[in-house]
Amino acid sequence: MSTPTGRREALEALPRRGPSQRKACCYLGLSRRVATYTLKLPEKDQSLGERLIAAEQEVPRFGYRRMSA
């Protein structure tokens, strides 16, 4: 739970009727900005990622270095 992603998951695991978001972020040492941030991936990168995952499932021994070449 030392990464922002882990802290964000811990914040989401808190019950809705528990502490306020402000207090929960303070307890976890997490910025409220990080708690509400959503990652935005461009469409072209998303399709490339899907193609890489499909290729990796066909030939898993290639690894990420050969897939990107």
Protein backbone atom coordinates (compact mmCIF):
# COMPACT_ATOMS: atom_id res chain seq x y z
CA MET A 1 0.00 0.00 0.00
CA SER A 2 2.98 2.32 -0.42
CA THR A 3 2.14 3.33 -3.98
CA PRO A 4 -0.55 5.84 -4.96
CA THR A 5 -2.41 3.05 -6.75
CA GLY A 6 -2.45 0.91 -3.60
CA ARG A 7 -3.60 3.83 -1.50
CA ARG A 8 -6.33 4.63 -4.04
CA GLU A 9 -7.55 1.02 -3.82
CA ALA A 10 -7.55 1.25 -0.02
CA LEU A 11 -9.58 4.45 -0.25
CA GLU A 12 -12.14 2.75 -2.49
CA ALA A 13 -12.36 -0.18 -0.05
CA LEU A 14 -13.53 2.10 2.76
CA PRO A 15 -17.26 1.89 3.37
CA ARG A 16 -19.41 4.69 1.95
CA ARG A 17 -20.72 5.65 5.39
CA GLY A 18 -17.20 5.73 6.84
CA PRO A 19 -14.98 8.80 7.14
CA SER A 20 -15.25 11.60 4.61
CA GLN A 21 -12.99 11.52 1.57
CA ARG A 22 -10.94 14.36 3.01
CA LYS A 23 -10.29 12.54 6.30
CA ALA A 24 -9.68 9.19 4.61
CA CYS A 25 -7.11 10.76 2.29
CA CYS A 26 -5.42 12.38 5.27
CA TYR A 27 -5.23 9.01 7.10
CA LEU A 28 -3.81 7.25 4.05
CA GLY A 29 -1.38 10.04 3.16
CA LEU A 30 -3.02 10.49 -0.21
CA SER A 31 -3.73 13.69 -2.07
CA ARG A 32 -7.40 14.23 -2.85
CA ARG A 33 -6.37 15.07 -6.40
CA VAL A 34 -4.79 11.61 -6.78
CA ALA A 35 -7.88 9.98 -5.27
CA THR A 36 -10.16 11.44 -7.94
CA TYR A 37 -7.78 11.21 -10.92
CA THR A 38 -8.74 8.89 -13.78
CA LEU A 39 -6.13 7.82 -16.30
CA LYS A 40 -6.95 8.83 -19.86
CA LEU A 41 -5.39 6.72 -22.60
CA PRO A 42 -5.49 7.84 -26.22
CA GLU A 43 -7.52 5.61 -28.53
CA LYS A 44 -4.50 4.76 -30.70
CA ASP A 45 -2.55 3.49 -27.68
CA GLN A 46 -5.48 1.40 -26.52
CA SER A 47 -5.80 -0.40 -29.86
CA LEU A 48 -2.04 -0.96 -29.96
CA GLY A 49 -2.16 -2.46 -26.47
CA GLU A 50 -4.96 -4.80 -27.46
CA ARG A 51 -2.99 -5.94 -30.53
CA LEU A 52 0.13 -6.55 -28.41
CA ILE A 53 -1.86 -8.60 -25.90
CA ALA A 54 -3.39 -10.67 -28.71
CA ALA A 55 0.05 -11.26 -30.27
CA GLU A 56 1.51 -12.18 -26.89
CA GLN A 57 -1.18 -14.80 -26.38
CA GLU A 58 -0.33 -16.37 -29.74
CA VAL A 59 3.44 -16.51 -29.12
CA PRO A 60 4.12 -16.00 -25.38
CA ARG A 61 7.84 -16.76 -25.57
CA PHE A 62 8.65 -13.65 -27.61
CA GLY A 63 8.42 -11.30 -24.63
CA TYR A 64 7.82 -7.58 -24.65
CA ARG A 65 11.15 -6.67 -26.27
CA ARG A 66 10.48 -8.67 -29.42
CA MET A 67 6.85 -7.60 -29.53
CA SER A 68 7.77 -3.92 -29.64
CA ALA A 69 10.39 -4.31 -32.37
